[in-house]
Amino acid sequence: MSPFKIVGILNTTPDSYFDGGQFNQVDTAVKRAGEMLAEGADIIEVGGESTGPGSRDVSLEEERERTMSIIQAILKAYPDTHVSIDSSKSALAAEALDVGAMMVNDVTAGRADPEMFSVMAQRGVPLVLMYAKDGSPRTTINEVRYDDVITVVKEFLKERKESAMAAGVNPSHIILDPGMGHFVSSDPQYSFDILARLAELLDLGCPLFVSPSRKSFLAGSENLSTEDRLPGTVAASAIAVLHGAHYIRTHDVREVRRGCEVAMNIREN
């Protein structure tokens, strides 16, 4: 079994920055899930609310309509699949777990919904807590400045881990995500700093979850479009694995898995 896991992104939203509107119907979503599983995805993560700059608030009912039937259809078509729900709403997280999801990814790290930690404490499944400069489910385009970004991220994740544990979440179920792109700052250098120093977060004692997939910090001097950021995505993902990442979340399962396997061979040797 691979020492790292690939999390395939399945956005069921009309406005996601890369694949918005492509997989928001049950048939296309199930087909895409099957493709990612065939390419080597270990987990399929379904998200029904865009969190990037300029995205809009989504009600619980709308997010439920976008995700629940698709999760159920994926699990019916591929019963052994590990499905994650990407949501900051505890009620939706609970419903997804009820129908067979096995992980929750909360980009607000429990700040948007005070019930998230208590729900997760009762369910006893993995919970991803992500660093974000903003407390809402979506990020803004702000060029936040840091004296030492990894210290700030580490302190934030330590505090959120402790808050989750205080609410009863088993520490063995906590996964930490340092954030990438606009979630950290619109200055791309901070995302590169996090990747370079990722191993420092291993001191927190939790698996690390990294999601550089086609994000803004990979645009480079040419200001590449999302369609042209695959090489950067593979490079950033492989570097994350080289420095200790346990989960890589990506749109591009086959290419990223292959790059990460090379990085893993280097790490092990």
C-alpha atoms as a PDB file:
ATOM      1  CA  MET A   1       0.000   0.000   0.000  1.00  0.00           C
ATOM      2  CA  SER A   2       1.256   3.496  -0.865  1.00  0.00           C
ATOM      3  CA  PRO A   3       2.557   5.495   2.126  1.00  0.00           C
ATOM      4  CA  PHE A   4       0.617   8.473   0.784  1.00  0.00           C
ATOM      5  CA  LYS A   5      -2.995   8.683  -0.326  1.00  0.00           C
ATOM      6  CA  ILE A   6      -4.391  10.501  -3.348  1.00  0.00           C
ATOM      7  CA  VAL A   7      -7.638  12.373  -2.788  1.00  0.00           C
ATOM      8  CA  GLY A   8      -9.484  12.950  -6.064  1.00  0.00           C
ATOM      9  CA  ILE A   9     -11.406  16.229  -6.215  1.00  0.00           C
ATOM     10  CA  LEU A  10     -15.020  15.983  -7.386  1.00  0.00           C
ATOM     11  CA  ASN A  11     -16.606  19.419  -7.330  1.00  0.00           C
ATOM     12  CA  THR A  12     -20.368  19.407  -7.806  1.00  0.00           C
ATOM     13  CA  THR A  13     -20.514  23.192  -8.009  1.00  0.00           C
ATOM     14  CA  PRO A  14     -21.207  25.501 -10.949  1.00  0.00           C
ATOM     15  CA  ASP A  15     -18.444  27.959 -10.012  1.00  0.00           C
ATOM     16  CA  SER A  16     -15.311  26.091  -8.916  1.00  0.00           C
ATOM     17  CA  TYR A  17     -12.145  27.696 -10.261  1.00  0.00           C
ATOM     18  CA  PHE A  18     -11.046  24.759 -12.432  1.00  0.00           C
ATOM     19  CA  ASP A  19     -13.866  22.289 -13.060  1.00  0.00           C
ATOM     20  CA  GLY A  20     -16.992  24.249 -12.165  1.00  0.00           C
ATOM     21  CA  GLY A  21     -20.152  22.890 -13.772  1.00  0.00           C
ATOM     22  CA  GLN A  22     -18.578  19.769 -15.266  1.00  0.00           C
ATOM     23  CA  PHE A  23     -19.650  17.226 -12.664  1.00  0.00           C
ATOM     24  CA  ASN A  24     -22.781  18.597 -11.022  1.00  0.00           C
ATOM     25  CA  GLN A  25     -25.083  15.939 -12.454  1.00  0.00           C
ATOM     26  CA  VAL A  26     -25.255  12.439 -10.997  1.00  0.00           C
ATOM     27  CA  ASP A  27     -24.254  10.624 -14.190  1.00  0.00           C
ATOM     28  CA  THR A  28     -21.243  12.823 -14.976  1.00  0.00           C
ATOM     29  CA  ALA A  29     -20.136  12.817 -11.336  1.00  0.00           C
ATOM     30  CA  VAL A  30     -20.270   9.022 -11.053  1.00  0.00           C
ATOM     31  CA  LYS A  31     -18.401   8.676 -14.334  1.00  0.00           C
ATOM     32  CA  ARG A  32     -15.687  11.056 -13.149  1.00  0.00           C
ATOM     33  CA  ALA A  33     -15.408   9.224  -9.824  1.00  0.00           C
ATOM     34  CA  GLY A  34     -14.892   5.964 -11.717  1.00  0.00           C
ATOM     35  CA  GLU A  35     -12.200   7.560 -13.857  1.00  0.00           C
ATOM     36  CA  MET A  36     -10.319   8.844 -10.820  1.00  0.00           C
ATOM     37  CA  LEU A  37     -10.550   5.476  -9.075  1.00  0.00           C
ATOM     38  CA  ALA A  38      -9.134   3.816 -12.188  1.00  0.00           C
ATOM     39  CA  GLU A  39      -6.307   6.370 -12.213  1.00  0.00           C
ATOM     40  CA  GLY A  40      -5.367   5.483  -8.638  1.00  0.00           C
ATOM     41  CA  ALA A  41      -7.399   7.691  -6.315  1.00  0.00           C
ATOM     42  CA  ASP A  42      -7.627   6.337  -2.774  1.00  0.00           C
ATOM     43  CA  ILE A  43     -10.421   8.725  -1.736  1.00  0.00           C
ATOM     44  CA  ILE A  44     -13.044  10.640  -3.723  1.00  0.00           C
ATOM     45  CA  GLU A  45     -13.821  13.989  -2.146  1.00  0.00           C
ATOM     46  CA  VAL A  46     -17.196  15.511  -2.996  1.00  0.00           C
ATOM     47  CA  GLY A  47     -17.641  19.240  -2.517  1.00  0.00           C
ATOM     48  CA  GLY A  48     -20.814  21.233  -3.033  1.00  0.00           C
ATOM     49  CA  GLU A  49     -19.671  24.722  -2.068  1.00  0.00           C
ATOM     50  CA  SER A  50     -16.955  26.708  -3.811  1.00  0.00           C
ATOM     51  CA  THR A  51     -14.495  28.278  -1.404  1.00  0.00           C
ATOM     52  CA  GLY A  52     -12.343  30.374  -3.733  1.00  0.00           C
ATOM     53  CA  PRO A  53     -12.301  34.161  -4.072  1.00  0.00           C
ATOM     54  CA  GLY A  54     -15.584  35.578  -5.326  1.00  0.00           C
ATOM     55  CA  SER A  55     -17.619  32.456  -4.601  1.00  0.00           C
ATOM     56  CA  ARG A  56     -21.002  32.879  -2.958  1.00  0.00           C
ATOM     57  CA  ASP A  57     -22.614  31.549   0.172  1.00  0.00           C
ATOM     58  CA  VAL A  58     -24.523  28.305  -0.285  1.00  0.00           C
ATOM     59  CA  SER A  59     -27.404  27.270   1.948  1.00  0.00           C
ATOM     60  CA  LEU A  60     -27.474  23.909   3.674  1.00  0.00           C
ATOM     61  CA  GLU A  61     -30.333  22.794   1.460  1.00  0.00           C
ATOM     62  CA  GLU A  62     -28.560  23.776  -1.749  1.00  0.00           C
ATOM     63  CA  GLU A  63     -25.312  22.132  -0.672  1.00  0.00           C
ATOM     64  CA  ARG A  64     -27.280  19.016   0.281  1.00  0.00           C
ATOM     65  CA  GLU A  65     -28.927  18.899  -3.155  1.00  0.00           C
ATOM     66  CA  ARG A  66     -25.543  19.220  -4.842  1.00  0.00           C
ATOM     67  CA  THR A  67     -23.831  16.448  -2.887  1.00  0.00           C
ATOM     68  CA  MET A  68     -25.996  13.818  -1.228  1.00  0.00           C
ATOM     69  CA  SER A  69     -27.474  12.114  -4.282  1.00  0.00           C
ATOM     70  CA  ILE A  70     -24.024  12.059  -5.896  1.00  0.00           C
ATOM     71  CA  ILE A  71     -22.370  10.519  -2.828  1.00  0.00           C
ATOM     72  CA  GLN A  72     -25.058   7.855  -2.684  1.00  0.00           C
ATOM     73  CA  ALA A  73     -24.737   7.140  -6.405  1.00  0.00           C
ATOM     74  CA  ILE A  74     -20.938   6.819  -6.195  1.00  0.00           C
ATOM     75  CA  LEU A  75     -21.203   4.391  -3.293  1.00  0.00           C
ATOM     76  CA  LYS A  76     -23.842   2.387  -5.128  1.00  0.00           C
ATOM     77  CA  ALA A  77     -21.704   2.162  -8.266  1.00  0.00           C
ATOM     78  CA  TYR A  78     -18.441   1.595  -6.388  1.00  0.00           C
ATOM     79  CA  PRO A  79     -19.358   0.157  -2.964  1.00  0.00           C
ATOM     80  CA  ASP A  80     -15.783  -0.102  -1.667  1.00  0.00           C
ATOM     81  CA  THR A  81     -14.960   3.532  -2.378  1.00  0.00           C
ATOM     82  CA  HIS A  82     -13.751   5.804   0.388  1.00  0.00           C
ATOM     83  CA  VAL A  83     -15.700   9.065   0.053  1.00  0.00           C
ATOM     84  CA  SER A  84     -14.917  12.322   1.804  1.00  0.00           C
ATOM     85  CA  ILE A  85     -17.297  15.274   2.111  1.00  0.00           C
ATOM     86  CA  ASP A  86     -15.770  18.731   1.702  1.00  0.00           C
ATOM     87  CA  SER A  87     -18.009  20.882   3.889  1.00  0.00           C
ATOM     88  CA  SER A  88     -17.905  23.231   6.858  1.00  0.00           C
ATOM     89  CA  LYS A  89     -21.532  22.482   7.792  1.00  0.00           C
ATOM     90  CA  SER A  90     -21.877  19.902  10.568  1.00  0.00           C
ATOM     91  CA  ALA A  91     -25.399  18.893   9.537  1.00  0.00           C
ATOM     92  CA  LEU A  92     -24.276  18.033   6.021  1.00  0.00           C
ATOM     93  CA  ALA A  93     -21.190  16.259   7.337  1.00  0.00           C
ATOM     94  CA  ALA A  94     -23.415  14.103   9.548  1.00  0.00           C
ATOM     95  CA  GLU A  95     -25.764  13.261   6.675  1.00  0.00           C
ATOM     96  CA  ALA A  96     -22.868  12.321   4.399  1.00  0.00           C
ATOM     97  CA  LEU A  97     -21.406  10.058   7.069  1.00  0.00           C
ATOM     98  CA  ASP A  98     -24.835   8.469   7.572  1.00  0.00           C
ATOM     99  CA  VAL A  99     -24.910   7.321   3.942  1.00  0.00           C
ATOM    100  CA  GLY A 100     -21.358   5.994   3.883  1.00  0.00           C
ATOM    101  CA  ALA A 101     -18.806   8.808   3.647  1.00  0.00           C
ATOM    102  CA  MET A 102     -15.738   8.131   5.789  1.00  0.00           C
ATOM    103  CA  MET A 103     -14.007  11.506   6.125  1.00  0.00           C
ATOM    104  CA  VAL A 104     -14.833  15.210   6.471  1.00  0.00           C
ATOM    105  CA  ASN A 105     -12.708  18.076   5.153  1.00  0.00           C
ATOM    106  CA  ASP A 106     -13.513  21.391   6.829  1.00  0.00           C
ATOM    107  CA  VAL A 107     -11.638  24.322   5.285  1.00  0.00           C
ATOM    108  CA  THR A 108     -12.634  26.504   8.248  1.00  0.00           C
ATOM    109  CA  ALA A 109     -11.157  24.050  10.783  1.00  0.00           C
ATOM    110  CA  GLY A 110     -14.341  24.139  12.827  1.00  0.00           C
ATOM    111  CA  ARG A 111     -14.650  27.926  12.964  1.00  0.00           C
ATOM    112  CA  ALA A 112     -17.703  28.273  10.700  1.00  0.00           C
ATOM    113  CA  ASP A 113     -19.908  25.803  12.577  1.00  0.00           C
ATOM    114  CA  PRO A 114     -19.412  25.349  16.333  1.00  0.00           C
ATOM    115  CA  GLU A 115     -21.163  21.970  16.157  1.00  0.00           C
ATOM    116  CA  MET A 116     -18.637  20.422  13.786  1.00  0.00           C
ATOM    117  CA  PHE A 117     -16.302  19.123  16.477  1.00  0.00           C
ATOM    118  CA  SER A 118     -19.061  17.590  18.579  1.00  0.00           C
ATOM    119  CA  VAL A 119     -20.505  15.841  15.514  1.00  0.00           C
ATOM    120  CA  MET A 120     -17.102  14.482  14.593  1.00  0.00           C
ATOM    121  CA  ALA A 121     -16.404  13.393  18.164  1.00  0.00           C
ATOM    122  CA  GLN A 122     -19.549  11.250  18.033  1.00  0.00           C
ATOM    123  CA  ARG A 123     -18.757   9.749  14.613  1.00  0.00           C
ATOM    124  CA  GLY A 124     -15.130   8.826  15.118  1.00  0.00           C
ATOM    125  CA  VAL A 125     -13.892   9.292  11.543  1.00  0.00           C
ATOM    126  CA  PRO A 126     -11.035  11.373  10.089  1.00  0.00           C
ATOM    127  CA  LEU A 127     -11.434  15.151  10.084  1.00  0.00           C
ATOM    128  CA  VAL A 128      -9.240  17.504   8.046  1.00  0.00           C
ATOM    129  CA  LEU A 129      -8.560  20.902   9.630  1.00  0.00           C
ATOM    130  CA  MET A 130      -7.129  23.525   7.272  1.00  0.00           C
ATOM    131  CA  TYR A 131      -5.295  26.775   7.897  1.00  0.00           C
ATOM    132  CA  ALA A 132      -6.953  29.793   6.293  1.00  0.00           C
ATOM    133  CA  LYS A 133      -6.332  33.472   6.808  1.00  0.00           C
ATOM    134  CA  ASP A 134     -10.116  34.046   6.670  1.00  0.00           C
ATOM    135  CA  GLY A 135     -12.592  32.507   9.074  1.00  0.00           C
ATOM    136  CA  SER A 136     -15.384  32.003   6.549  1.00  0.00           C
ATOM    137  CA  PRO A 137     -15.861  29.005   4.225  1.00  0.00           C
ATOM    138  CA  ARG A 138     -14.375  31.025   1.366  1.00  0.00           C
ATOM    139  CA  THR A 139     -11.177  32.957   0.977  1.00  0.00           C
ATOM    140  CA  THR A 140     -10.501  36.512  -0.121  1.00  0.00           C
ATOM    141  CA  ILE A 141      -7.848  37.963  -2.393  1.00  0.00           C
ATOM    142  CA  ASN A 142      -5.646  39.658   0.183  1.00  0.00           C
ATOM    143  CA  GLU A 143      -1.869  39.847   0.081  1.00  0.00           C
ATOM    144  CA  VAL A 144      -1.438  39.060   3.769  1.00  0.00           C
ATOM    145  CA  ARG A 145       2.126  39.454   5.033  1.00  0.00           C
ATOM    146  CA  TYR A 146       3.837  37.087   7.461  1.00  0.00           C
ATOM    147  CA  ASP A 147       7.097  37.450   9.370  1.00  0.00           C
ATOM    148  CA  ASP A 148       7.274  33.633   9.461  1.00  0.00           C
ATOM    149  CA  VAL A 149       4.403  31.884   7.711  1.00  0.00           C
ATOM    150  CA  ILE A 150       5.166  28.383   8.971  1.00  0.00           C
ATOM    151  CA  THR A 151       5.149  29.573  12.589  1.00  0.00           C
ATOM    152  CA  VAL A 152       1.737  31.206  12.114  1.00  0.00           C
ATOM    153  CA  VAL A 153       0.309  28.151  10.356  1.00  0.00           C
ATOM    154  CA  LYS A 154       1.732  25.811  12.964  1.00  0.00           C
ATOM    155  CA  GLU A 155       0.291  27.777  15.886  1.00  0.00           C
ATOM    156  CA  PHE A 156      -3.102  27.943  14.208  1.00  0.00           C
ATOM    157  CA  LEU A 157      -3.219  24.223  13.498  1.00  0.00           C
ATOM    158  CA  LYS A 158      -2.027  23.419  17.028  1.00  0.00           C
ATOM    159  CA  GLU A 159      -4.851  25.523  18.484  1.00  0.00           C
ATOM    160  CA  ARG A 160      -7.498  23.981  16.227  1.00  0.00           C
ATOM    161  CA  LYS A 161      -6.255  20.483  17.011  1.00  0.00           C
ATOM    162  CA  GLU A 162      -6.477  21.210  20.733  1.00  0.00           C
ATOM    163  CA  SER A 163      -9.982  22.676  20.343  1.00  0.00           C
ATOM    164  CA  ALA A 164     -11.122  19.590  18.477  1.00  0.00           C
ATOM    165  CA  MET A 165      -9.651  17.315  21.115  1.00  0.00           C
ATOM    166  CA  ALA A 166     -11.284  19.346  23.899  1.00  0.00           C
ATOM    167  CA  ALA A 167     -14.627  18.697  22.162  1.00  0.00           C
ATOM    168  CA  GLY A 168     -13.946  14.974  22.184  1.00  0.00           C
ATOM    169  CA  VAL A 169     -12.402  14.355  18.764  1.00  0.00           C
ATOM    170  CA  ASN A 170      -9.904  11.511  18.973  1.00  0.00           C
ATOM    171  CA  PRO A 171      -6.436  12.901  18.137  1.00  0.00           C
ATOM    172  CA  SER A 172      -5.789   9.877  15.924  1.00  0.00           C
ATOM    173  CA  HIS A 173      -8.611  11.088  13.656  1.00  0.00           C
ATOM    174  CA  ILE A 174      -7.235  14.610  13.118  1.00  0.00           C
ATOM    175  CA  ILE A 175      -5.523  15.465   9.822  1.00  0.00           C
ATOM    176  CA  LEU A 176      -3.921  18.884   9.301  1.00  0.00           C
ATOM    177  CA  ASP A 177      -3.786  20.976   6.126  1.00  0.00           C
ATOM    178  CA  PRO A 178      -1.493  24.040   5.989  1.00  0.00           C
ATOM    179  CA  GLY A 179      -3.551  25.699   3.257  1.00  0.00           C
ATOM    180  CA  MET A 180      -2.300  26.865  -0.128  1.00  0.00           C
ATOM    181  CA  GLY A 181      -2.802  29.776  -2.492  1.00  0.00           C
ATOM    182  CA  HIS A 182      -5.249  32.511  -1.543  1.00  0.00           C
ATOM    183  CA  PHE A 183      -6.139  30.682   1.668  1.00  0.00           C
ATOM    184  CA  VAL A 184      -2.689  31.699   2.920  1.00  0.00           C
ATOM    185  CA  SER A 185      -2.008  34.864   0.926  1.00  0.00           C
ATOM    186  CA  SER A 186      -2.241  36.142  -2.610  1.00  0.00           C
ATOM    187  CA  ASP A 187       1.548  36.441  -2.478  1.00  0.00           C
ATOM    188  CA  PRO A 188       2.610  33.048  -3.913  1.00  0.00           C
ATOM    189  CA  GLN A 189       5.895  33.011  -2.019  1.00  0.00           C
ATOM    190  CA  TYR A 190       4.168  31.949   1.197  1.00  0.00           C
ATOM    191  CA  SER A 191       2.777  28.803  -0.426  1.00  0.00           C
ATOM    192  CA  PHE A 192       6.276  27.942  -1.636  1.00  0.00           C
ATOM    193  CA  ASP A 193       7.623  28.591   1.866  1.00  0.00           C
ATOM    194  CA  ILE A 194       5.074  26.161   3.316  1.00  0.00           C
ATOM    195  CA  LEU A 195       6.043  23.448   0.829  1.00  0.00           C
ATOM    196  CA  ALA A 196       9.747  23.970   1.529  1.00  0.00           C
ATOM    197  CA  ARG A 197       9.258  23.750   5.309  1.00  0.00           C
ATOM    198  CA  LEU A 198       6.346  21.309   5.420  1.00  0.00           C
ATOM    199  CA  ALA A 199       8.280  18.797   7.538  1.00  0.00           C
ATOM    200  CA  GLU A 200       8.241  21.273  10.442  1.00  0.00           C
ATOM    201  CA  LEU A 201       4.487  20.637  10.789  1.00  0.00           C
ATOM    202  CA  LEU A 202       5.078  16.946  11.456  1.00  0.00           C
ATOM    203  CA  ASP A 203       5.893  17.978  15.027  1.00  0.00           C
ATOM    204  CA  LEU A 204       2.138  18.437  15.555  1.00  0.00           C
ATOM    205  CA  GLY A 205       1.767  14.663  15.470  1.00  0.00           C
ATOM    206  CA  CYS A 206      -0.923  14.444  12.781  1.00  0.00           C
ATOM    207  CA  PRO A 207      -0.956  13.319   9.147  1.00  0.00           C
ATOM    208  CA  LEU A 208      -0.538  16.213   6.716  1.00  0.00           C
ATOM    209  CA  PHE A 209      -3.016  16.910   3.914  1.00  0.00           C
ATOM    210  CA  VAL A 210      -1.823  19.149   1.064  1.00  0.00           C
ATOM    211  CA  SER A 211      -3.849  20.532  -1.833  1.00  0.00           C
ATOM    212  CA  PRO A 212      -1.825  22.575  -4.337  1.00  0.00           C
ATOM    213  CA  SER A 213      -3.937  21.455  -7.289  1.00  0.00           C
ATOM    214  CA  ARG A 214      -3.905  24.089 -10.054  1.00  0.00           C
ATOM    215  CA  LYS A 215      -4.020  26.917  -7.494  1.00  0.00           C
ATOM    216  CA  SER A 216      -3.115  30.534  -8.107  1.00  0.00           C
ATOM    217  CA  PHE A 217       0.390  30.374  -6.643  1.00  0.00           C
ATOM    218  CA  LEU A 218       1.349  28.055  -9.516  1.00  0.00           C
ATOM    219  CA  ALA A 219       0.564  30.668 -12.195  1.00  0.00           C
ATOM    220  CA  GLY A 220       4.185  31.851 -12.217  1.00  0.00           C
ATOM    221  CA  SER A 221       5.684  34.742 -14.138  1.00  0.00           C
ATOM    222  CA  GLU A 222       3.658  33.806 -17.220  1.00  0.00           C
ATOM    223  CA  ASN A 223       0.394  34.135 -15.254  1.00  0.00           C
ATOM    224  CA  LEU A 224      -0.643  30.677 -16.444  1.00  0.00           C
ATOM    225  CA  SER A 225      -4.318  29.790 -16.634  1.00  0.00           C
ATOM    226  CA  THR A 226      -5.666  26.928 -14.522  1.00  0.00           C
ATOM    227  CA  GLU A 227      -5.543  24.709 -17.627  1.00  0.00           C
ATOM    228  CA  ASP A 228      -1.765  25.242 -17.889  1.00  0.00           C
ATOM    229  CA  ARG A 229      -0.882  24.589 -14.243  1.00  0.00           C
ATOM    230  CA  LEU A 230      -0.598  20.791 -14.390  1.00  0.00           C
ATOM    231  CA  PRO A 231       3.236  20.674 -14.439  1.00  0.00           C
ATOM    232  CA  GLY A 232       3.349  22.966 -11.402  1.00  0.00           C
ATOM    233  CA  THR A 233       0.693  20.872  -9.686  1.00  0.00           C
ATOM    234  CA  VAL A 234       2.710  17.680 -10.167  1.00  0.00           C
ATOM    235  CA  ALA A 235       5.899  19.369  -8.943  1.00  0.00           C
ATOM    236  CA  ALA A 236       4.272  20.901  -5.856  1.00  0.00           C
ATOM    237  CA  SER A 237       2.503  17.643  -4.977  1.00  0.00           C
ATOM    238  CA  ALA A 238       5.691  15.599  -5.312  1.00  0.00           C
ATOM    239  CA  ILE A 239       7.621  18.073  -3.170  1.00  0.00           C
ATOM    240  CA  ALA A 240       4.906  17.859  -0.518  1.00  0.00           C
ATOM    241  CA  VAL A 241       5.235  14.060  -0.423  1.00  0.00           C
ATOM    242  CA  LEU A 242       9.026  14.346  -0.339  1.00  0.00           C
ATOM    243  CA  HIS A 243       8.682  16.519   2.771  1.00  0.00           C
ATOM    244  CA  GLY A 244       6.245  14.266   4.586  1.00  0.00           C
ATOM    245  CA  ALA A 245       2.710  14.797   3.266  1.00  0.00           C
ATOM    246  CA  HIS A 246       0.367  11.859   3.849  1.00  0.00           C
ATOM    247  CA  TYR A 247      -2.552  13.003   1.649  1.00  0.00           C
ATOM    248  CA  ILE A 248      -2.438  14.854  -1.676  1.00  0.00           C
ATOM    249  CA  ARG A 249      -5.710  16.328  -2.895  1.00  0.00           C
ATOM    250  CA  THR A 250      -5.824  16.832  -6.656  1.00  0.00           C
ATOM    251  CA  HIS A 251      -7.887  17.175  -9.822  1.00  0.00           C
ATOM    252  CA  ASP A 252      -5.267  15.229 -11.801  1.00  0.00           C
ATOM    253  CA  VAL A 253      -5.042  11.816 -10.191  1.00  0.00           C
ATOM    254  CA  ARG A 254      -2.919   9.826 -12.652  1.00  0.00           C
ATOM    255  CA  GLU A 255      -0.253  12.455 -13.252  1.00  0.00           C
ATOM    256  CA  VAL A 256       0.030  13.524  -9.641  1.00  0.00           C
ATOM    257  CA  ARG A 257       0.140   9.955  -8.339  1.00  0.00           C
ATOM    258  CA  ARG A 258       3.017   9.143 -10.697  1.00  0.00           C
ATOM    259  CA  GLY A 259       4.959  12.217  -9.626  1.00  0.00           C
ATOM    260  CA  CYS A 260       4.372  11.469  -5.961  1.00  0.00           C
ATOM    261  CA  GLU A 261       5.531   7.878  -6.376  1.00  0.00           C
ATOM    262  CA  VAL A 262       8.891   9.190  -7.624  1.00  0.00           C
ATOM    263  CA  ALA A 263       9.096  11.526  -4.633  1.00  0.00           C
ATOM    264  CA  MET A 264       8.238   8.653  -2.286  1.00  0.00           C
ATOM    265  CA  ASN A 265      11.034   6.530  -3.744  1.00  0.00           C
ATOM    266  CA  ILE A 266      13.461   9.366  -3.119  1.00  0.00           C
ATOM    267  CA  ARG A 267      12.145   9.868   0.422  1.00  0.00           C
ATOM    268  CA  GLU A 268      12.498   6.182   1.272  1.00  0.00           C
ATOM    269  CA  ASN A 269      16.010   5.909  -0.147  1.00  0.00           C
END
